[in-house]
Amino acid sequence: MKKLITPLLSAAIIFGGLFIESTARADDDKVPKEKPAKKKSGFYPFRGIIKSVNTRKNTINLAGAKGKPDRVFVLAKDAKLKLDGDATELSEIKAGMFVGGRAKRASEKLVEAHTVNVRTKAPAKRAPKKKQEKEGKGNKK
């Protein structure tokens, strides 16, 4: 009897361990894998009316919001400047023009503008949709 029980117990232990290991692997496959975090480029958009341009320092100043200081953007070495869609130079950009573009913070105090799109006139503002108009569209019979 001992000769029969020993091989059966050892076979049960071996096959039981394999069964537990295979089910554990199946459970691991079901766990959703975390997606890698998106790399942030550090770029952010800016826009506004130009308050002043300094060609010696290669900077553009935009008026700050109420109670906030002016925003100063230093042009990057590889900055792309456009005036009404055409390539331009900083000397052609004047105060009062509308500007938009992409900037990146280089340090705590320094912000570099990499793309600068200038328009002689600010784009027309869109009128906000009234709440009643939205509700009225859904109630048509």
N, C-alpha and C. Protein backbone atom coordinates (compact mmCIF):
# COMPACT_ATOMS: atom_id res chain seq x y z
N MET A 1 0.81 -1.19 0.00
CA MET A 1 0.00 0.00 0.00
C MET A 1 0.86 1.27 0.00
N LYS A 2 1.96 1.27 0.80
CA LYS A 2 2.86 2.41 0.84
C LYS A 2 3.45 2.68 -0.54
N LYS A 3 3.72 1.60 -1.27
CA LYS A 3 4.31 1.74 -2.59
C LYS A 3 3.34 2.43 -3.56
N LEU A 4 2.06 2.30 -3.34
CA LEU A 4 1.06 2.89 -4.21
C LEU A 4 0.73 4.34 -3.81
N ILE A 5 0.70 4.64 -2.54
CA ILE A 5 0.32 5.97 -2.05
C ILE A 5 1.41 7.00 -2.36
N THR A 6 2.68 6.65 -2.17
CA THR A 6 3.78 7.59 -2.37
C THR A 6 3.82 8.13 -3.80
N PRO A 7 3.77 7.30 -4.85
CA PRO A 7 3.78 7.86 -6.20
C PRO A 7 2.53 8.66 -6.53
N LEU A 8 1.38 8.24 -6.00
CA LEU A 8 0.15 9.00 -6.25
C LEU A 8 0.20 10.38 -5.60
N LEU A 9 0.68 10.47 -4.37
CA LEU A 9 0.79 11.76 -3.68
C LEU A 9 1.79 12.67 -4.40
N SER A 10 2.92 12.13 -4.80
CA SER A 10 3.91 12.97 -5.49
C SER A 10 3.37 13.44 -6.84
N ALA A 11 2.63 12.59 -7.55
CA ALA A 11 2.02 12.99 -8.82
C ALA A 11 0.97 14.07 -8.59
N ALA A 12 0.19 13.94 -7.53
CA ALA A 12 -0.84 14.94 -7.22
C ALA A 12 -0.20 16.28 -6.88
N ILE A 13 0.90 16.26 -6.14
CA ILE A 13 1.58 17.51 -5.78
C ILE A 13 2.15 18.18 -7.03
N ILE A 14 2.77 17.42 -7.91
CA ILE A 14 3.38 17.97 -9.12
C ILE A 14 2.31 18.55 -10.03
N PHE A 15 1.27 17.76 -10.34
CA PHE A 15 0.23 18.23 -11.24
C PHE A 15 -0.63 19.34 -10.62
N GLY A 16 -0.81 19.32 -9.33
CA GLY A 16 -1.54 20.38 -8.64
C GLY A 16 -0.80 21.70 -8.72
N GLY A 17 0.53 21.64 -8.57
CA GLY A 17 1.34 22.85 -8.67
C GLY A 17 1.30 23.43 -10.08
N LEU A 18 1.31 22.58 -11.08
CA LEU A 18 1.23 23.05 -12.46
C LEU A 18 -0.13 23.68 -12.74
N PHE A 19 -1.18 23.09 -12.20
CA PHE A 19 -2.52 23.64 -12.40
C PHE A 19 -2.65 25.01 -11.75
N ILE A 20 -2.14 25.16 -10.54
CA ILE A 20 -2.22 26.45 -9.84
C ILE A 20 -1.41 27.50 -10.59
N GLU A 21 -0.23 27.12 -11.08
CA GLU A 21 0.61 28.07 -11.81
C GLU A 21 -0.05 28.52 -13.11
N SER A 22 -0.70 27.61 -13.82
CA SER A 22 -1.35 27.98 -15.08
C SER A 22 -2.55 28.89 -14.85
N THR A 23 -3.31 28.67 -13.80
CA THR A 23 -4.44 29.56 -13.51
C THR A 23 -3.95 30.92 -13.05
N ALA A 24 -2.84 30.97 -12.35
CA ALA A 24 -2.29 32.26 -11.93
C ALA A 24 -1.84 33.07 -13.16
N ARG A 25 -1.26 32.40 -14.13
CA ARG A 25 -0.86 33.10 -15.36
C ARG A 25 -2.07 33.62 -16.11
N ALA A 26 -3.13 32.85 -16.14
CA ALA A 26 -4.35 33.28 -16.82
C ALA A 26 -4.93 34.51 -16.13
N ASP A 27 -4.87 34.57 -14.81
CA ASP A 27 -5.35 35.74 -14.08
C ASP A 27 -4.48 36.96 -14.38
N ASP A 28 -3.17 36.77 -14.52
CA ASP A 28 -2.29 37.88 -14.84
C ASP A 28 -2.59 38.45 -16.22
N ASP A 29 -2.99 37.61 -17.15
CA ASP A 29 -3.31 38.08 -18.49
C ASP A 29 -4.58 38.93 -18.49
N LYS A 30 -5.48 38.67 -17.56
CA LYS A 30 -6.74 39.41 -17.51
C LYS A 30 -6.58 40.80 -16.93
N VAL A 31 -5.54 41.03 -16.14
CA VAL A 31 -5.32 42.34 -15.52
C VAL A 31 -4.93 43.32 -16.61
N PRO A 32 -5.66 44.44 -16.73
CA PRO A 32 -5.32 45.41 -17.78
C PRO A 32 -3.95 46.05 -17.50
N LYS A 33 -3.18 46.12 -18.55
CA LYS A 33 -1.86 46.72 -18.42
C LYS A 33 -1.99 48.24 -18.45
N GLU A 34 -1.16 48.91 -17.68
CA GLU A 34 -1.20 50.37 -17.64
C GLU A 34 -0.62 50.92 -18.93
N LYS A 35 -1.29 51.92 -19.47
CA LYS A 35 -0.80 52.57 -20.67
C LYS A 35 0.36 53.48 -20.28
N PRO A 36 1.38 53.55 -21.11
CA PRO A 36 2.47 54.46 -20.78
C PRO A 36 1.98 55.91 -20.81
N ALA A 37 2.46 56.69 -19.88
CA ALA A 37 2.04 58.09 -19.78
C ALA A 37 2.49 58.85 -21.02
N LYS A 38 1.62 59.75 -21.50
CA LYS A 38 1.96 60.57 -22.65
C LYS A 38 3.06 61.54 -22.25
N LYS A 39 4.00 61.70 -23.13
CA LYS A 39 5.06 62.66 -22.87
C LYS A 39 4.53 64.05 -23.17
N LYS A 40 4.68 64.92 -22.22
CA LYS A 40 4.24 66.29 -22.42
C LYS A 40 5.37 67.06 -23.10
N SER A 41 5.00 67.80 -24.12
CA SER A 41 6.01 68.52 -24.88
C SER A 41 6.45 69.78 -24.16
N GLY A 42 5.63 70.31 -23.28
CA GLY A 42 5.96 71.54 -22.59
C GLY A 42 5.50 72.78 -23.33
N PHE A 43 5.01 72.62 -24.55
CA PHE A 43 4.53 73.75 -25.34
C PHE A 43 3.11 74.10 -24.92
N TYR A 44 2.80 75.37 -24.97
CA TYR A 44 1.43 75.82 -24.71
C TYR A 44 1.11 76.98 -25.63
N PRO A 45 -0.17 77.16 -25.94
CA PRO A 45 -0.56 78.25 -26.86
C PRO A 45 -0.64 79.58 -26.13
N PHE A 46 -0.44 80.64 -26.88
CA PHE A 46 -0.64 81.99 -26.35
C PHE A 46 -1.28 82.84 -27.44
N ARG A 47 -1.94 83.92 -27.02
CA ARG A 47 -2.53 84.85 -27.97
C ARG A 47 -2.82 86.15 -27.25
N GLY A 48 -2.96 87.21 -28.04
CA GLY A 48 -3.28 88.51 -27.47
C GLY A 48 -2.87 89.63 -28.39
N ILE A 49 -2.98 90.85 -27.88
CA ILE A 49 -2.61 92.04 -28.64
C ILE A 49 -1.20 92.45 -28.21
N ILE A 50 -0.36 92.73 -29.18
CA ILE A 50 1.03 93.09 -28.88
C ILE A 50 1.07 94.48 -28.26
N LYS A 51 1.74 94.56 -27.12
CA LYS A 51 1.91 95.84 -26.43
C LYS A 51 3.18 96.53 -26.92
N SER A 52 4.25 95.78 -27.08
CA SER A 52 5.50 96.35 -27.59
C SER A 52 6.38 95.24 -28.17
N VAL A 53 7.32 95.66 -29.04
CA VAL A 53 8.27 94.75 -29.67
C VAL A 53 9.67 95.33 -29.46
N ASN A 54 10.61 94.51 -29.03
CA ASN A 54 11.98 94.94 -28.84
C ASN A 54 12.86 94.10 -29.76
N THR A 55 13.34 94.71 -30.85
CA THR A 55 14.14 93.96 -31.83
C THR A 55 15.55 93.68 -31.31
N ARG A 56 16.07 94.51 -30.43
CA ARG A 56 17.41 94.27 -29.88
C ARG A 56 17.42 93.04 -28.96
N LYS A 57 16.39 92.92 -28.14
CA LYS A 57 16.32 91.78 -27.21
C LYS A 57 15.56 90.60 -27.79
N ASN A 58 15.00 90.75 -29.00
CA ASN A 58 14.19 89.71 -29.64
C ASN A 58 13.01 89.30 -28.76
N THR A 59 12.26 90.27 -28.28
CA THR A 59 11.13 89.98 -27.40
C THR A 59 9.83 90.60 -27.93
N ILE A 60 8.73 89.99 -27.53
CA ILE A 60 7.39 90.50 -27.80
C ILE A 60 6.68 90.58 -26.46
N ASN A 61 6.10 91.73 -26.16
CA ASN A 61 5.35 91.92 -24.91
C ASN A 61 3.87 91.94 -25.22
N LEU A 62 3.11 91.16 -24.45
CA LEU A 62 1.66 91.16 -24.55
C LEU A 62 1.10 91.70 -23.24
N ALA A 63 0.04 92.47 -23.34
CA ALA A 63 -0.58 93.03 -22.15
C ALA A 63 -1.12 91.90 -21.28
N GLY A 64 -0.90 92.01 -19.96
CA GLY A 64 -1.42 91.02 -19.03
C GLY A 64 -2.88 91.27 -18.72
N ALA A 65 -3.52 90.30 -18.11
CA ALA A 65 -4.90 90.45 -17.69
C ALA A 65 -4.97 91.47 -16.56
N LYS A 66 -6.17 91.87 -16.18
CA LYS A 66 -6.33 92.87 -15.13
C LYS A 66 -5.59 92.45 -13.87
N GLY A 67 -4.73 93.33 -13.40
CA GLY A 67 -3.99 93.07 -12.18
C GLY A 67 -2.80 92.14 -12.33
N LYS A 68 -2.50 91.70 -13.54
CA LYS A 68 -1.38 90.78 -13.76
C LYS A 68 -0.32 91.47 -14.61
N PRO A 69 0.95 91.06 -14.46
CA PRO A 69 2.02 91.70 -15.24
C PRO A 69 1.95 91.32 -16.72
N ASP A 70 2.64 92.13 -17.53
CA ASP A 70 2.72 91.84 -18.96
C ASP A 70 3.42 90.51 -19.19
N ARG A 71 3.07 89.86 -20.29
CA ARG A 71 3.73 88.60 -20.66
C ARG A 71 4.82 88.92 -21.67
N VAL A 72 6.02 88.44 -21.40
CA VAL A 72 7.17 88.69 -22.27
C VAL A 72 7.61 87.37 -22.88
N PHE A 73 7.71 87.34 -24.21
CA PHE A 73 8.13 86.15 -24.93
C PHE A 73 9.43 86.47 -25.67
N VAL A 74 10.45 85.67 -25.43
CA VAL A 74 11.72 85.79 -26.14
C VAL A 74 11.63 84.85 -27.33
N LEU A 75 12.00 85.34 -28.51
CA LEU A 75 11.95 84.49 -29.70
C LEU A 75 13.07 83.47 -29.66
N ALA A 76 12.73 82.20 -29.88
CA ALA A 76 13.72 81.14 -29.94
C ALA A 76 14.57 81.32 -31.20
N LYS A 77 15.74 80.70 -31.22
CA LYS A 77 16.61 80.81 -32.40
C LYS A 77 15.94 80.27 -33.66
N ASP A 78 15.14 79.21 -33.50
CA ASP A 78 14.48 78.60 -34.64
C ASP A 78 13.02 79.02 -34.77
N ALA A 79 12.67 80.18 -34.23
CA ALA A 79 11.27 80.64 -34.22
C ALA A 79 10.78 80.90 -35.64
N LYS A 80 9.51 80.54 -35.87
CA LYS A 80 8.87 80.78 -37.17
C LYS A 80 7.94 81.97 -37.01
N LEU A 81 8.21 83.04 -37.75
CA LEU A 81 7.40 84.25 -37.70
C LEU A 81 6.57 84.37 -38.98
N LYS A 82 5.27 84.65 -38.81
CA LYS A 82 4.40 84.87 -39.96
C LYS A 82 3.55 86.10 -39.71
N LEU A 83 3.40 86.92 -40.74
CA LEU A 83 2.54 88.10 -40.69
C LEU A 83 1.47 87.91 -41.76
N ASP A 84 0.23 87.75 -41.33
CA ASP A 84 -0.91 87.49 -42.22
C ASP A 84 -0.63 86.32 -43.16
N GLY A 85 0.02 85.26 -42.63
CA GLY A 85 0.25 84.04 -43.38
C GLY A 85 1.56 83.97 -44.15
N ASP A 86 2.30 85.07 -44.25
CA ASP A 86 3.57 85.09 -44.98
C ASP A 86 4.73 85.21 -44.00
N ALA A 87 5.86 84.59 -44.33
CA ALA A 87 7.05 84.67 -43.48
C ALA A 87 7.48 86.13 -43.35
N THR A 88 7.95 86.49 -42.16
CA THR A 88 8.31 87.87 -41.90
C THR A 88 9.47 87.94 -40.93
N GLU A 89 9.88 89.16 -40.61
CA GLU A 89 10.93 89.41 -39.63
C GLU A 89 10.34 90.18 -38.46
N LEU A 90 11.03 90.17 -37.35
CA LEU A 90 10.54 90.82 -36.14
C LEU A 90 10.39 92.33 -36.34
N SER A 91 11.22 92.93 -37.17
CA SER A 91 11.16 94.38 -37.38
C SER A 91 9.85 94.82 -38.05
N GLU A 92 9.15 93.92 -38.73
CA GLU A 92 7.89 94.26 -39.39
C GLU A 92 6.68 94.15 -38.47
N ILE A 93 6.88 93.57 -37.31
CA ILE A 93 5.78 93.39 -36.36
C ILE A 93 5.71 94.64 -35.47
N LYS A 94 4.50 95.17 -35.33
CA LYS A 94 4.29 96.42 -34.58
C LYS A 94 3.31 96.22 -33.43
N ALA A 95 3.32 97.17 -32.51
CA ALA A 95 2.38 97.16 -31.39
C ALA A 95 0.96 97.32 -31.91
N GLY A 96 0.00 96.70 -31.25
CA GLY A 96 -1.39 96.79 -31.64
C GLY A 96 -1.86 95.66 -32.54
N MET A 97 -0.92 94.86 -33.07
CA MET A 97 -1.28 93.73 -33.92
C MET A 97 -1.69 92.55 -33.04
N PHE A 98 -2.48 91.67 -33.59
CA PHE A 98 -2.94 90.49 -32.87
C PHE A 98 -1.94 89.36 -33.12
N VAL A 99 -1.56 88.63 -32.06
CA VAL A 99 -0.58 87.55 -32.17
C VAL A 99 -1.09 86.29 -31.49
N GLY A 100 -0.69 85.17 -32.03
CA GLY A 100 -0.98 83.86 -31.43
C GLY A 100 0.17 82.94 -31.78
N GLY A 101 0.37 81.92 -31.00
CA GLY A 101 1.46 81.01 -31.30
C GLY A 101 1.67 79.97 -30.23
N ARG A 102 2.87 79.34 -30.28
CA ARG A 102 3.26 78.32 -29.31
C ARG A 102 4.50 78.78 -28.57
N ALA A 103 4.49 78.55 -27.26
CA ALA A 103 5.63 78.94 -26.45
C ALA A 103 6.01 77.79 -25.52
N LYS A 104 7.21 77.87 -25.00
CA LYS A 104 7.70 76.87 -24.06
C LYS A 104 8.50 77.58 -22.99
N ARG A 105 8.26 77.19 -21.74
CA ARG A 105 8.98 77.80 -20.62
C ARG A 105 10.40 77.25 -20.60
N ALA A 106 11.39 78.13 -20.74
CA ALA A 106 12.79 77.74 -20.73
C ALA A 106 13.35 77.75 -19.31
N SER A 107 12.87 78.66 -18.48
CA SER A 107 13.24 78.73 -17.06
C SER A 107 12.09 79.39 -16.31
N GLU A 108 12.30 79.68 -15.04
CA GLU A 108 11.22 80.28 -14.26
C GLU A 108 10.79 81.64 -14.81
N LYS A 109 11.75 82.41 -15.29
CA LYS A 109 11.44 83.76 -15.77
C LYS A 109 11.42 83.88 -17.29
N LEU A 110 11.98 82.92 -18.00
CA LEU A 110 12.14 83.02 -19.44
C LEU A 110 11.17 82.11 -20.17
N VAL A 111 10.40 82.70 -21.09
CA VAL A 111 9.47 81.94 -21.93
C VAL A 111 9.88 82.17 -23.38
N GLU A 112 10.12 81.07 -24.10
CA GLU A 112 10.53 81.17 -25.50
C GLU A 112 9.35 80.92 -26.42
N ALA A 113 9.18 81.79 -27.39
CA ALA A 113 8.15 81.62 -28.41
C ALA A 113 8.78 80.92 -29.60
N HIS A 114 8.19 79.79 -30.00
CA HIS A 114 8.74 79.02 -31.12
C HIS A 114 7.95 79.26 -32.41
N THR A 115 6.67 79.53 -32.28
CA THR A 115 5.83 79.83 -33.43
C THR A 115 5.07 81.11 -33.13
N VAL A 116 5.16 82.09 -34.02
CA VAL A 116 4.49 83.38 -33.82
C VAL A 116 3.71 83.70 -35.10
N ASN A 117 2.39 83.76 -34.97
CA ASN A 117 1.52 84.11 -36.09
C ASN A 117 0.87 85.45 -35.79
N VAL A 118 1.19 86.45 -36.60
CA VAL A 118 0.71 87.82 -36.36
C VAL A 118 -0.32 88.18 -37.42
N ARG A 119 -1.36 88.87 -36.99
CA ARG A 119 -2.38 89.39 -37.91
C ARG A 119 -2.49 90.89 -37.68
N THR A 120 -2.71 91.60 -38.77
CA THR A 120 -2.84 93.05 -38.64
C THR A 120 -4.15 93.40 -37.94
N LYS A 121 -5.17 92.56 -38.12
CA LYS A 121 -6.46 92.76 -37.44
C LYS A 121 -6.78 91.52 -36.63
N ALA A 122 -7.35 91.73 -35.46
CA ALA A 122 -7.75 90.60 -34.62
C ALA A 122 -8.91 89.86 -35.29
N PRO A 123 -8.97 88.54 -35.14
CA PRO A 123 -10.08 87.80 -35.74
C PRO A 123 -11.40 88.19 -35.08
N ALA A 124 -12.47 88.10 -35.84
CA ALA A 124 -13.79 88.47 -35.32
C ALA A 124 -14.19 87.52 -34.20
N LYS A 125 -14.76 88.08 -33.16
CA LYS A 125 -15.21 87.27 -32.04
C LYS A 125 -16.55 86.66 -32.38
N ARG A 126 -16.72 85.41 -31.99
CA ARG A 126 -18.00 84.73 -32.20
C ARG A 126 -18.94 85.09 -31.07
N ALA A 127 -20.18 85.32 -31.43
CA ALA A 127 -21.19 85.61 -30.41
C ALA A 127 -21.55 84.31 -29.70
N PRO A 128 -21.62 84.31 -28.37
CA PRO A 128 -21.98 83.08 -27.68
C PRO A 128 -23.43 82.71 -27.95
N LYS A 129 -23.68 81.43 -28.06
CA LYS A 129 -25.04 80.96 -28.32
C LYS A 129 -25.85 81.14 -27.05
N LYS A 130 -27.06 81.61 -27.22
CA LYS A 130 -27.93 81.82 -26.07
C LYS A 130 -28.53 80.49 -25.64
N LYS A 131 -28.79 80.39 -24.37
CA LYS A 131 -29.35 79.18 -23.81
C LYS A 131 -30.72 78.87 -24.41
N GLN A 132 -31.52 79.90 -24.66
CA GLN A 132 -32.86 79.72 -25.20
C GLN A 132 -32.81 79.15 -26.60
N GLU A 133 -31.83 79.56 -27.39
CA GLU A 133 -31.73 79.05 -28.76
C GLU A 133 -31.45 77.56 -28.74
N LYS A 134 -30.59 77.12 -27.82
CA LYS A 134 -30.27 75.70 -27.73
C LYS A 134 -31.51 74.91 -27.33
N GLU A 135 -32.24 75.43 -26.35
CA GLU A 135 -33.43 74.73 -25.87
C GLU A 135 -34.53 74.75 -26.93
N GLY A 136 -34.65 75.82 -27.68
CA GLY A 136 -35.70 75.96 -28.70
C GLY A 136 -35.51 74.98 -29.84
N LYS A 137 -34.28 74.63 -30.19
CA LYS A 137 -34.04 73.72 -31.30
C LYS A 137 -34.55 72.31 -30.98
N GLY A 138 -34.47 71.90 -29.75
CA GLY A 138 -34.88 70.56 -29.38
C GLY A 138 -36.39 70.44 -29.21
N ASN A 139 -37.13 71.53 -29.11
CA ASN A 139 -38.57 71.48 -28.84
C ASN A 139 -39.42 71.60 -30.11
N LYS A 140 -38.84 71.50 -31.28
CA LYS A 140 -39.63 71.63 -32.53
C LYS A 140 -40.53 70.43 -32.69
N LYS A 141 -41.74 70.67 -33.20
CA LYS A 141 -42.70 69.57 -33.41
C LYS A 141 -42.95 69.40 -34.87
